[in-house]
Amino acid sequence: MHYPKVFQSLIAHFSTLPSVGPKMAERIVLYLFKQDEERLQSFSESLEELHHLKSCTRCFHIAEGELCMICTDTKRIQDTLCLVEEPLDVIAIERTGIYQGLYHVLGGLLESGKNDNSSNLRISELLHRVENDHIKEVILATNPTTEGDMTALYLKKKLEPFDIKVTRIGRGMATGGDIEYADEMTLTASLTNRKELV
């Protein structure tokens, strides 16, 4: 089927999104095409505003200003850090409503079988926060995968010089699972049953 260039361009853009293939992208664009002017305008304005978002300068979660809403919330427990791989993990944990501390977004994981990629991760920023922000506990909430476990052990060693508690989320999470896709009950069990790494 032949579409106008704008239509084809939108399909190409949407098909680059995670889990969206060309057929799904085509359906999305057709759906948007059928929307009324007001709804389409609202969608367009939201996309336009996306480039105003940035990473929080403290925890690297999504922020509108220098700091994210979690870092500016003085009611949060200030001496506990939950370390996660990506901002989507923060969102998933926040949905549980059980965790009231702060976060640190690592920006990925160590990759097994590859050259050391630890310099691409926000490990030095983590160590700086632990040293300067009076942190008493770091919860390692990396995914229960080979890379997640390897990263957790690596970070445990890096945190050893500090006199703090280092815990790992419990195995409510299935091995090989992703935090961002876990339901609230599973994440609640994982956080509640976290264990100290020894």
N, C-alpha and C. Protein backbone atom coordinates (compact mmCIF):
# COMPACT_ATOMS: atom_id res chain seq x y z
N MET A 1 0.85 -1.19 0.00
CA MET A 1 0.00 0.00 0.00
C MET A 1 0.89 1.24 0.00
N HIS A 2 0.51 2.23 -0.78
CA HIS A 2 1.30 3.45 -0.87
C HIS A 2 0.69 4.53 0.01
N TYR A 3 1.54 5.15 0.80
CA TYR A 3 1.11 6.22 1.70
C TYR A 3 1.83 7.51 1.32
N PRO A 4 1.27 8.65 1.69
CA PRO A 4 1.99 9.91 1.50
C PRO A 4 3.32 9.89 2.28
N LYS A 5 4.25 10.74 1.89
CA LYS A 5 5.58 10.76 2.51
C LYS A 5 5.53 11.00 4.01
N VAL A 6 4.67 11.90 4.46
CA VAL A 6 4.55 12.19 5.90
C VAL A 6 4.12 10.94 6.65
N PHE A 7 3.17 10.23 6.08
CA PHE A 7 2.66 8.99 6.67
C PHE A 7 3.78 7.95 6.76
N GLN A 8 4.53 7.79 5.66
CA GLN A 8 5.64 6.83 5.63
C GLN A 8 6.72 7.21 6.65
N SER A 9 6.98 8.50 6.76
CA SER A 9 7.99 8.98 7.70
C SER A 9 7.59 8.66 9.14
N LEU A 10 6.30 8.88 9.46
CA LEU A 10 5.81 8.56 10.81
C LEU A 10 5.90 7.07 11.09
N ILE A 11 5.56 6.24 10.12
CA ILE A 11 5.67 4.78 10.29
C ILE A 11 7.13 4.41 10.56
N ALA A 12 8.04 5.00 9.81
CA ALA A 12 9.47 4.72 10.01
C ALA A 12 9.92 5.11 11.42
N HIS A 13 9.46 6.28 11.90
CA HIS A 13 9.83 6.73 13.25
C HIS A 13 9.26 5.81 14.33
N PHE A 14 7.98 5.49 14.22
CA PHE A 14 7.35 4.63 15.23
C PHE A 14 7.95 3.22 15.23
N SER A 15 8.35 2.72 14.07
CA SER A 15 8.89 1.35 14.01
C SER A 15 10.27 1.23 14.65
N THR A 16 10.91 2.37 14.97
CA THR A 16 12.20 2.32 15.67
C THR A 16 12.02 2.21 17.19
N LEU A 17 10.77 2.35 17.66
CA LEU A 17 10.52 2.25 19.10
C LEU A 17 10.62 0.81 19.57
N PRO A 18 10.99 0.60 20.85
CA PRO A 18 11.09 -0.77 21.38
C PRO A 18 9.76 -1.51 21.24
N SER A 19 9.82 -2.74 20.81
CA SER A 19 8.66 -3.63 20.68
C SER A 19 7.64 -3.18 19.64
N VAL A 20 7.99 -2.22 18.79
CA VAL A 20 7.08 -1.76 17.74
C VAL A 20 7.69 -2.09 16.38
N GLY A 21 7.06 -3.03 15.68
CA GLY A 21 7.51 -3.38 14.34
C GLY A 21 6.79 -2.53 13.31
N PRO A 22 7.09 -2.73 12.02
CA PRO A 22 6.46 -1.94 10.95
C PRO A 22 4.93 -2.04 10.93
N LYS A 23 4.38 -3.24 11.15
CA LYS A 23 2.91 -3.41 11.14
C LYS A 23 2.25 -2.63 12.28
N MET A 24 2.84 -2.76 13.47
CA MET A 24 2.30 -2.04 14.63
C MET A 24 2.44 -0.54 14.42
N ALA A 25 3.56 -0.10 13.86
CA ALA A 25 3.78 1.33 13.58
C ALA A 25 2.72 1.84 12.61
N GLU A 26 2.40 1.04 11.62
CA GLU A 26 1.38 1.41 10.64
C GLU A 26 0.03 1.59 11.32
N ARG A 27 -0.30 0.67 12.25
CA ARG A 27 -1.57 0.76 12.98
C ARG A 27 -1.63 2.01 13.86
N ILE A 28 -0.49 2.33 14.50
CA ILE A 28 -0.43 3.51 15.36
C ILE A 28 -0.67 4.78 14.54
N VAL A 29 0.00 4.87 13.39
CA VAL A 29 -0.15 6.06 12.54
C VAL A 29 -1.58 6.15 12.00
N LEU A 30 -2.16 5.03 11.61
CA LEU A 30 -3.56 5.04 11.16
C LEU A 30 -4.49 5.49 12.27
N TYR A 31 -4.23 5.01 13.49
CA TYR A 31 -5.04 5.41 14.65
C TYR A 31 -4.94 6.93 14.87
N LEU A 32 -3.70 7.45 14.84
CA LEU A 32 -3.51 8.89 15.03
C LEU A 32 -4.20 9.70 13.93
N PHE A 33 -4.14 9.19 12.70
CA PHE A 33 -4.75 9.85 11.56
C PHE A 33 -6.26 10.03 11.76
N LYS A 34 -6.88 9.07 12.45
CA LYS A 34 -8.33 9.09 12.64
C LYS A 34 -8.78 9.95 13.84
N GLN A 35 -7.83 10.45 14.61
CA GLN A 35 -8.19 11.23 15.80
C GLN A 35 -8.64 12.63 15.41
N ASP A 36 -9.46 13.23 16.30
CA ASP A 36 -9.89 14.61 16.02
C ASP A 36 -8.73 15.59 16.22
N GLU A 37 -8.90 16.77 15.71
CA GLU A 37 -7.84 17.80 15.69
C GLU A 37 -7.33 18.12 17.09
N GLU A 38 -8.24 18.23 18.04
CA GLU A 38 -7.86 18.60 19.41
C GLU A 38 -6.96 17.54 20.06
N ARG A 39 -7.34 16.29 19.89
CA ARG A 39 -6.57 15.19 20.48
C ARG A 39 -5.19 15.08 19.82
N LEU A 40 -5.15 15.24 18.52
CA LEU A 40 -3.90 15.17 17.77
C LEU A 40 -2.98 16.34 18.16
N GLN A 41 -3.57 17.50 18.36
CA GLN A 41 -2.80 18.68 18.77
C GLN A 41 -2.19 18.46 20.15
N SER A 42 -2.95 17.89 21.07
CA SER A 42 -2.47 17.61 22.42
C SER A 42 -1.30 16.62 22.38
N PHE A 43 -1.45 15.57 21.56
CA PHE A 43 -0.40 14.57 21.40
C PHE A 43 0.87 15.22 20.83
N SER A 44 0.70 16.05 19.83
CA SER A 44 1.80 16.75 19.18
C SER A 44 2.53 17.67 20.16
N GLU A 45 1.77 18.39 20.99
CA GLU A 45 2.37 19.29 21.97
C GLU A 45 3.17 18.53 23.02
N SER A 46 2.66 17.36 23.44
CA SER A 46 3.38 16.54 24.42
C SER A 46 4.71 16.06 23.84
N LEU A 47 4.70 15.64 22.58
CA LEU A 47 5.94 15.23 21.92
C LEU A 47 6.92 16.40 21.82
N GLU A 48 6.39 17.56 21.53
CA GLU A 48 7.22 18.77 21.40
C GLU A 48 7.89 19.11 22.73
N GLU A 49 7.17 18.88 23.84
CA GLU A 49 7.70 19.20 25.17
C GLU A 49 8.75 18.18 25.65
N LEU A 50 8.82 17.04 25.01
CA LEU A 50 9.71 15.96 25.44
C LEU A 50 11.17 16.41 25.51
N HIS A 51 11.59 17.29 24.60
CA HIS A 51 12.99 17.70 24.60
C HIS A 51 13.34 18.63 25.76
N HIS A 52 12.34 19.07 26.53
CA HIS A 52 12.60 19.89 27.72
C HIS A 52 12.96 19.02 28.93
N LEU A 53 12.67 17.73 28.86
CA LEU A 53 13.02 16.84 29.97
C LEU A 53 14.51 16.56 29.97
N LYS A 54 15.06 16.28 31.14
CA LYS A 54 16.49 15.97 31.25
C LYS A 54 16.70 14.97 32.37
N SER A 55 17.93 14.56 32.58
CA SER A 55 18.26 13.67 33.69
C SER A 55 18.49 14.48 34.95
N CYS A 56 17.97 14.00 36.05
CA CYS A 56 18.20 14.62 37.36
C CYS A 56 19.71 14.65 37.60
N THR A 57 20.22 15.77 38.08
CA THR A 57 21.66 15.89 38.30
C THR A 57 22.15 15.10 39.51
N ARG A 58 21.24 14.65 40.36
CA ARG A 58 21.62 13.87 41.53
C ARG A 58 21.44 12.37 41.32
N CYS A 59 20.24 11.95 40.90
CA CYS A 59 19.95 10.51 40.81
C CYS A 59 19.85 9.98 39.38
N PHE A 60 19.78 10.89 38.39
CA PHE A 60 19.71 10.54 36.97
C PHE A 60 18.37 9.96 36.53
N HIS A 61 17.32 10.20 37.34
CA HIS A 61 15.96 9.86 36.92
C HIS A 61 15.49 10.98 36.00
N ILE A 62 14.30 10.87 35.45
CA ILE A 62 13.75 11.86 34.54
C ILE A 62 13.32 13.09 35.34
N ALA A 63 13.71 14.28 34.85
CA ALA A 63 13.40 15.52 35.58
C ALA A 63 13.01 16.63 34.61
N GLU A 64 12.24 17.58 35.14
CA GLU A 64 11.91 18.78 34.36
C GLU A 64 12.91 19.89 34.63
N GLY A 65 13.51 19.86 35.82
CA GLY A 65 14.52 20.86 36.19
C GLY A 65 15.83 20.17 36.54
N GLU A 66 16.60 20.81 37.42
CA GLU A 66 17.88 20.24 37.85
C GLU A 66 17.68 18.91 38.57
N LEU A 67 16.68 18.88 39.48
CA LEU A 67 16.41 17.69 40.27
C LEU A 67 15.02 17.14 39.94
N CYS A 68 14.88 15.83 40.07
CA CYS A 68 13.58 15.19 39.84
C CYS A 68 12.66 15.41 41.04
N MET A 69 11.41 15.03 40.89
CA MET A 69 10.43 15.22 41.96
C MET A 69 10.75 14.38 43.20
N ILE A 70 11.41 13.24 43.01
CA ILE A 70 11.75 12.38 44.15
C ILE A 70 12.87 13.02 44.97
N CYS A 71 13.90 13.52 44.29
CA CYS A 71 15.03 14.14 44.99
C CYS A 71 14.64 15.43 45.72
N THR A 72 13.62 16.12 45.24
CA THR A 72 13.20 17.36 45.90
C THR A 72 12.18 17.13 47.01
N ASP A 73 11.72 15.90 47.16
CA ASP A 73 10.72 15.57 48.18
C ASP A 73 11.42 15.35 49.53
N THR A 74 11.29 16.32 50.42
CA THR A 74 11.98 16.25 51.72
C THR A 74 11.36 15.21 52.65
N LYS A 75 10.19 14.68 52.30
CA LYS A 75 9.56 13.66 53.14
C LYS A 75 10.15 12.27 52.88
N ARG A 76 10.93 12.11 51.80
CA ARG A 76 11.53 10.82 51.49
C ARG A 76 12.63 10.52 52.50
N ILE A 77 12.89 9.23 52.72
CA ILE A 77 13.99 8.80 53.61
C ILE A 77 15.29 9.15 52.89
N GLN A 78 16.09 10.01 53.50
CA GLN A 78 17.26 10.58 52.82
C GLN A 78 18.52 9.74 52.93
N ASP A 79 18.52 8.72 53.80
CA ASP A 79 19.76 7.95 53.97
C ASP A 79 19.71 6.56 53.33
N THR A 80 18.72 6.31 52.48
CA THR A 80 18.60 5.03 51.79
C THR A 80 18.52 5.26 50.29
N LEU A 81 19.39 4.55 49.56
CA LEU A 81 19.42 4.65 48.10
C LEU A 81 19.02 3.31 47.50
N CYS A 82 18.12 3.34 46.55
CA CYS A 82 17.77 2.15 45.78
C CYS A 82 18.42 2.31 44.41
N LEU A 83 19.36 1.45 44.11
CA LEU A 83 20.08 1.53 42.84
C LEU A 83 19.36 0.70 41.79
N VAL A 84 19.03 1.32 40.67
CA VAL A 84 18.33 0.64 39.58
C VAL A 84 19.09 0.85 38.27
N GLU A 85 18.72 0.07 37.26
CA GLU A 85 19.39 0.17 35.97
C GLU A 85 18.93 1.38 35.17
N GLU A 86 17.61 1.58 35.07
CA GLU A 86 17.05 2.60 34.19
C GLU A 86 15.88 3.32 34.86
N PRO A 87 15.50 4.51 34.35
CA PRO A 87 14.37 5.25 34.93
C PRO A 87 13.07 4.45 34.97
N LEU A 88 12.84 3.54 34.00
CA LEU A 88 11.61 2.74 34.03
C LEU A 88 11.53 1.88 35.28
N ASP A 89 12.69 1.49 35.83
CA ASP A 89 12.70 0.71 37.07
C ASP A 89 12.24 1.56 38.26
N VAL A 90 12.62 2.84 38.26
CA VAL A 90 12.16 3.76 39.30
C VAL A 90 10.64 3.84 39.26
N ILE A 91 10.11 4.01 38.06
CA ILE A 91 8.65 4.13 37.89
C ILE A 91 7.94 2.87 38.39
N ALA A 92 8.50 1.70 38.05
CA ALA A 92 7.89 0.43 38.48
C ALA A 92 7.91 0.31 40.01
N ILE A 93 9.02 0.65 40.64
CA ILE A 93 9.12 0.55 42.11
C ILE A 93 8.21 1.57 42.78
N GLU A 94 8.13 2.77 42.22
CA GLU A 94 7.26 3.81 42.77
C GLU A 94 5.80 3.39 42.77
N ARG A 95 5.40 2.61 41.77
CA ARG A 95 4.00 2.14 41.70
C ARG A 95 3.63 1.28 42.90
N THR A 96 4.60 0.62 43.51
CA THR A 96 4.29 -0.25 44.65
C THR A 96 3.87 0.58 45.86
N GLY A 97 4.40 1.79 45.98
CA GLY A 97 4.10 2.65 47.12
C GLY A 97 4.79 2.22 48.40
N ILE A 98 5.63 1.18 48.33
CA ILE A 98 6.26 0.66 49.56
C ILE A 98 7.59 1.32 49.86
N TYR A 99 8.31 1.75 48.85
CA TYR A 99 9.65 2.30 49.05
C TYR A 99 9.57 3.82 49.18
N GLN A 100 10.19 4.36 50.22
CA GLN A 100 10.12 5.80 50.48
C GLN A 100 11.48 6.49 50.50
N GLY A 101 12.52 5.77 50.08
CA GLY A 101 13.86 6.37 50.04
C GLY A 101 14.15 7.05 48.72
N LEU A 102 15.43 7.26 48.44
CA LEU A 102 15.88 7.90 47.22
C LEU A 102 16.39 6.85 46.23
N TYR A 103 16.73 7.28 45.03
CA TYR A 103 17.18 6.37 43.97
C TYR A 103 18.52 6.80 43.41
N HIS A 104 19.14 5.86 42.71
CA HIS A 104 20.31 6.16 41.88
C HIS A 104 20.17 5.31 40.62
N VAL A 105 20.07 5.97 39.46
CA VAL A 105 19.92 5.27 38.18
C VAL A 105 21.31 5.04 37.60
N LEU A 106 21.69 3.77 37.48
CA LEU A 106 23.03 3.40 37.04
C LEU A 106 23.27 3.66 35.55
N GLY A 107 22.22 3.51 34.75
CA GLY A 107 22.36 3.73 33.32
C GLY A 107 22.77 2.49 32.55
N GLY A 108 22.50 1.31 33.11
CA GLY A 108 22.83 0.06 32.43
C GLY A 108 23.44 -0.94 33.40
N LEU A 109 24.12 -1.93 32.84
CA LEU A 109 24.74 -3.00 33.63
C LEU A 109 26.12 -3.31 33.07
N LEU A 110 26.92 -3.97 33.89
CA LEU A 110 28.16 -4.54 33.37
C LEU A 110 27.77 -5.67 32.42
N GLU A 111 28.49 -5.82 31.35
CA GLU A 111 28.16 -6.84 30.36
C GLU A 111 29.18 -7.97 30.42
N SER A 112 28.69 -9.19 30.59
CA SER A 112 29.59 -10.33 30.68
C SER A 112 30.20 -10.63 29.32
N GLY A 113 31.47 -11.03 29.32
CA GLY A 113 32.15 -11.40 28.09
C GLY A 113 32.58 -10.23 27.25
N LYS A 114 32.43 -9.02 27.75
CA LYS A 114 32.85 -7.83 26.99
C LYS A 114 33.90 -7.09 27.79
N ASN A 115 34.57 -6.15 27.12
CA ASN A 115 35.55 -5.31 27.80
C ASN A 115 34.85 -4.53 28.90
N ASP A 116 35.61 -4.08 29.87
CA ASP A 116 35.06 -3.35 31.01
C ASP A 116 34.28 -2.12 30.54
N ASN A 117 32.97 -2.10 30.79
CA ASN A 117 32.15 -0.95 30.41
C ASN A 117 31.71 -0.16 31.64
N SER A 118 32.39 -0.40 32.78
CA SER A 118 31.99 0.26 34.03
C SER A 118 32.12 1.77 33.94
N SER A 119 33.00 2.27 33.06
CA SER A 119 33.17 3.72 32.94
C SER A 119 31.94 4.38 32.31
N ASN A 120 31.11 3.59 31.62
CA ASN A 120 29.88 4.13 31.03
C ASN A 120 28.75 4.21 32.05
N LEU A 121 28.92 3.57 33.19
CA LEU A 121 27.89 3.55 34.22
C LEU A 121 28.16 4.65 35.25
N ARG A 122 27.14 4.99 36.03
CA ARG A 122 27.27 6.09 36.99
C ARG A 122 27.70 5.57 38.37
N ILE A 123 28.82 4.85 38.36
CA ILE A 123 29.35 4.25 39.60
C ILE A 123 30.08 5.29 40.43
N SER A 124 30.90 6.13 39.80
CA SER A 124 31.64 7.15 40.57
C SER A 124 30.66 8.13 41.23
N GLU A 125 29.56 8.45 40.52
CA GLU A 125 28.54 9.33 41.09
C GLU A 125 27.86 8.66 42.30
N LEU A 126 27.65 7.34 42.21
CA LEU A 126 27.08 6.59 43.33
C LEU A 126 28.01 6.67 44.55
N LEU A 127 29.28 6.40 44.33
CA LEU A 127 30.25 6.41 45.43
C LEU A 127 30.35 7.81 46.05
N HIS A 128 30.27 8.82 45.22
CA HIS A 128 30.30 10.21 45.70
C HIS A 128 29.09 10.48 46.60
N ARG A 129 27.92 10.01 46.18
CA ARG A 129 26.70 10.22 46.99
C ARG A 129 26.79 9.48 48.32
N VAL A 130 27.28 8.24 48.27
CA VAL A 130 27.40 7.45 49.51
C VAL A 130 28.33 8.15 50.49
N GLU A 131 29.41 8.67 49.96
CA GLU A 131 30.41 9.33 50.82
C GLU A 131 29.92 10.66 51.37
N ASN A 132 29.19 11.42 50.58
CA ASN A 132 28.84 12.79 50.97
C ASN A 132 27.42 13.01 51.47
N ASP A 133 26.52 12.07 51.21
CA ASP A 133 25.11 12.28 51.56
C ASP A 133 24.65 11.49 52.78
N HIS A 134 25.59 10.98 53.58
CA HIS A 134 25.28 10.24 54.82
C HIS A 134 24.34 9.05 54.54
N ILE A 135 24.62 8.30 53.51
CA ILE A 135 23.81 7.13 53.15
C ILE A 135 24.11 5.98 54.11
N LYS A 136 23.06 5.33 54.59
CA LYS A 136 23.23 4.20 55.52
C LYS A 136 22.96 2.86 54.86
N GLU A 137 22.13 2.86 53.79
CA GLU A 137 21.84 1.61 53.09
C GLU A 137 21.74 1.85 51.59
N VAL A 138 22.33 0.93 50.82
CA VAL A 138 22.16 0.91 49.37
C VAL A 138 21.47 -0.40 49.02
N ILE A 139 20.29 -0.30 48.39
CA ILE A 139 19.56 -1.48 47.92
C ILE A 139 19.91 -1.69 46.46
N LEU A 140 20.51 -2.81 46.14
CA LEU A 140 20.88 -3.12 44.76
C LEU A 140 19.69 -3.78 44.08
N ALA A 141 18.98 -3.00 43.29
CA ALA A 141 17.76 -3.49 42.63
C ALA A 141 18.01 -3.65 41.13
N THR A 142 19.10 -4.35 40.81
CA THR A 142 19.35 -4.69 39.41
C THR A 142 18.52 -5.92 39.07
N ASN A 143 18.24 -6.12 37.79
CA ASN A 143 17.42 -7.25 37.37
C ASN A 143 18.10 -8.57 37.75
N PRO A 144 17.30 -9.60 38.08
CA PRO A 144 17.87 -10.91 38.45
C PRO A 144 18.31 -11.70 37.22
N THR A 145 19.29 -11.15 36.51
CA THR A 145 19.89 -11.79 35.34
C THR A 145 21.36 -12.00 35.63
N THR A 146 22.07 -12.66 34.73
CA THR A 146 23.51 -12.86 34.92
C THR A 146 24.21 -11.52 35.05
N GLU A 147 23.90 -10.58 34.15
CA GLU A 147 24.52 -9.26 34.19
C GLU A 147 24.10 -8.48 35.42
N GLY A 148 22.83 -8.61 35.81
CA GLY A 148 22.34 -7.92 37.00
C GLY A 148 23.03 -8.40 38.26
N ASP A 149 23.19 -9.72 38.38
CA ASP A 149 23.88 -10.30 39.54
C ASP A 149 25.36 -9.92 39.54
N MET A 150 25.98 -9.95 38.36
CA MET A 150 27.39 -9.60 38.24
C MET A 150 27.61 -8.14 38.64
N THR A 151 26.72 -7.27 38.19
CA THR A 151 26.82 -5.85 38.53
C THR A 151 26.62 -5.64 40.03
N ALA A 152 25.65 -6.35 40.61
CA ALA A 152 25.40 -6.23 42.06
C ALA A 152 26.63 -6.64 42.87
N LEU A 153 27.28 -7.73 42.47
CA LEU A 153 28.49 -8.18 43.19
C LEU A 153 29.64 -7.18 43.01
N TYR A 154 29.77 -6.64 41.82
CA TYR A 154 30.80 -5.64 41.55
C TYR A 154 30.59 -4.40 42.42
N LEU A 155 29.33 -3.95 42.52
CA LEU A 155 29.02 -2.77 43.32
C LEU A 155 29.19 -3.04 44.81
N LYS A 156 28.88 -4.26 45.22
CA LYS A 156 29.08 -4.64 46.63
C LYS A 156 30.55 -4.46 47.01
N LYS A 157 31.45 -4.90 46.11
CA LYS A 157 32.89 -4.73 46.37
C LYS A 157 33.29 -3.25 46.40
N LYS A 158 32.72 -2.48 45.49
CA LYS A 158 33.03 -1.04 45.43
C LYS A 158 32.55 -0.31 46.68
N LEU A 159 31.47 -0.82 47.29
CA LEU A 159 30.88 -0.16 48.47
C LEU A 159 31.49 -0.65 49.79
N GLU A 160 32.33 -1.68 49.73
CA GLU A 160 32.92 -2.25 50.96
C GLU A 160 33.68 -1.24 51.81
N PRO A 161 34.43 -0.29 51.24
CA PRO A 161 35.16 0.66 52.09
C PRO A 161 34.25 1.56 52.95
N PHE A 162 32.98 1.66 52.58
CA PHE A 162 32.05 2.51 53.33
C PHE A 162 31.35 1.68 54.40
N ASP A 163 31.10 2.29 55.53
CA ASP A 163 30.45 1.58 56.63
C ASP A 163 28.93 1.69 56.46
N ILE A 164 28.41 0.97 55.45
CA ILE A 164 26.98 1.02 55.17
C ILE A 164 26.44 -0.39 54.95
N LYS A 165 25.13 -0.50 55.02
CA LYS A 165 24.45 -1.76 54.75
C LYS A 165 24.19 -1.84 53.24
N VAL A 166 24.54 -2.97 52.63
CA VAL A 166 24.29 -3.19 51.20
C VAL A 166 23.37 -4.39 51.08
N THR A 167 22.17 -4.18 50.52
CA THR A 167 21.20 -5.26 50.38
C THR A 167 20.89 -5.49 48.91
N ARG A 168 20.32 -6.66 48.64
CA ARG A 168 19.92 -7.02 47.28
C ARG A 168 18.45 -7.37 47.33
N ILE A 169 17.66 -6.94 46.33
CA ILE A 169 16.24 -7.26 46.34
C ILE A 169 16.06 -8.77 46.42
N GLY A 170 15.00 -9.19 47.10
CA GLY A 170 14.70 -10.60 47.28
C GLY A 170 14.30 -11.26 45.97
N ARG A 171 14.18 -12.55 45.99
CA ARG A 171 13.87 -13.29 44.77
C ARG A 171 12.38 -13.47 44.53
N GLY A 172 11.60 -12.43 44.86
CA GLY A 172 10.23 -12.42 44.39
C GLY A 172 10.25 -12.29 42.88
N MET A 173 11.33 -11.69 42.40
CA MET A 173 11.56 -11.54 40.97
C MET A 173 12.09 -12.86 40.41
N ALA A 174 11.55 -13.28 39.29
CA ALA A 174 12.04 -14.50 38.65
C ALA A 174 13.41 -14.24 38.04
N THR A 175 14.28 -15.24 38.09
CA THR A 175 15.58 -15.11 37.48
C THR A 175 15.42 -14.84 35.99
N GLY A 176 16.12 -13.83 35.52
CA GLY A 176 16.02 -13.45 34.11
C GLY A 176 14.93 -12.44 33.83
N GLY A 177 14.17 -12.03 34.87
CA GLY A 177 13.08 -11.08 34.67
C GLY A 177 13.55 -9.64 34.65
N ASP A 178 12.69 -8.74 34.21
CA ASP A 178 12.97 -7.31 34.18
C ASP A 178 12.08 -6.60 35.18
N ILE A 179 12.67 -5.72 35.99
CA ILE A 179 11.93 -4.98 37.00
C ILE A 179 10.81 -4.16 36.37
N GLU A 180 11.08 -3.53 35.24
CA GLU A 180 10.08 -2.65 34.65
C GLU A 180 8.80 -3.38 34.26
N TYR A 181 8.87 -4.71 34.05
CA TYR A 181 7.69 -5.48 33.65
C TYR A 181 7.03 -6.23 34.81
N ALA A 182 7.65 -6.15 36.00
CA ALA A 182 7.11 -6.88 37.15
C ALA A 182 5.88 -6.18 37.72
N ASP A 183 4.95 -6.97 38.25
CA ASP A 183 3.76 -6.38 38.86
C ASP A 183 4.10 -5.85 40.26
N GLU A 184 3.19 -5.05 40.80
CA GLU A 184 3.43 -4.40 42.09
C GLU A 184 3.63 -5.39 43.23
N MET A 185 2.87 -6.49 43.21
CA MET A 185 2.99 -7.50 44.29
C MET A 185 4.38 -8.13 44.30
N THR A 186 4.87 -8.47 43.11
CA THR A 186 6.19 -9.09 43.00
C THR A 186 7.28 -8.13 43.46
N LEU A 187 7.19 -6.87 43.03
CA LEU A 187 8.19 -5.89 43.44
C LEU A 187 8.12 -5.60 44.93
N THR A 188 6.92 -5.57 45.47
CA THR A 188 6.75 -5.36 46.91
C THR A 188 7.44 -6.48 47.67
N ALA A 189 7.23 -7.74 47.24
CA ALA A 189 7.87 -8.90 47.89
C ALA A 189 9.39 -8.81 47.76
N SER A 190 9.88 -8.39 46.59
CA SER A 190 11.32 -8.28 46.37
C SER A 190 11.95 -7.24 47.29
N LEU A 191 11.29 -6.10 47.44
CA LEU A 191 11.84 -5.04 48.29
C LEU A 191 11.73 -5.40 49.78
N THR A 192 10.59 -5.98 50.15
CA THR A 192 10.38 -6.36 51.55
C THR A 192 11.35 -7.46 51.98
N ASN A 193 11.62 -8.39 51.09
CA ASN A 193 12.47 -9.54 51.41
C ASN A 193 13.92 -9.36 50.99
N ARG A 194 14.35 -8.11 50.83
CA ARG A 194 15.74 -7.90 50.42
C ARG A 194 16.69 -8.45 51.46
N LYS A 195 17.86 -8.88 51.00
CA LYS A 195 18.83 -9.51 51.89
C LYS A 195 20.15 -8.76 51.83
N GLU A 196 20.83 -8.77 52.97
CA GLU A 196 22.13 -8.11 53.02
C GLU A 196 23.13 -8.96 52.27
N LEU A 197 23.92 -8.31 51.42
CA LEU A 197 24.95 -9.03 50.67
C LEU A 197 26.15 -9.23 51.57
N VAL A 198 26.65 -10.45 51.63
CA VAL A 198 27.82 -10.75 52.46
C VAL A 198 28.94 -11.30 51.62
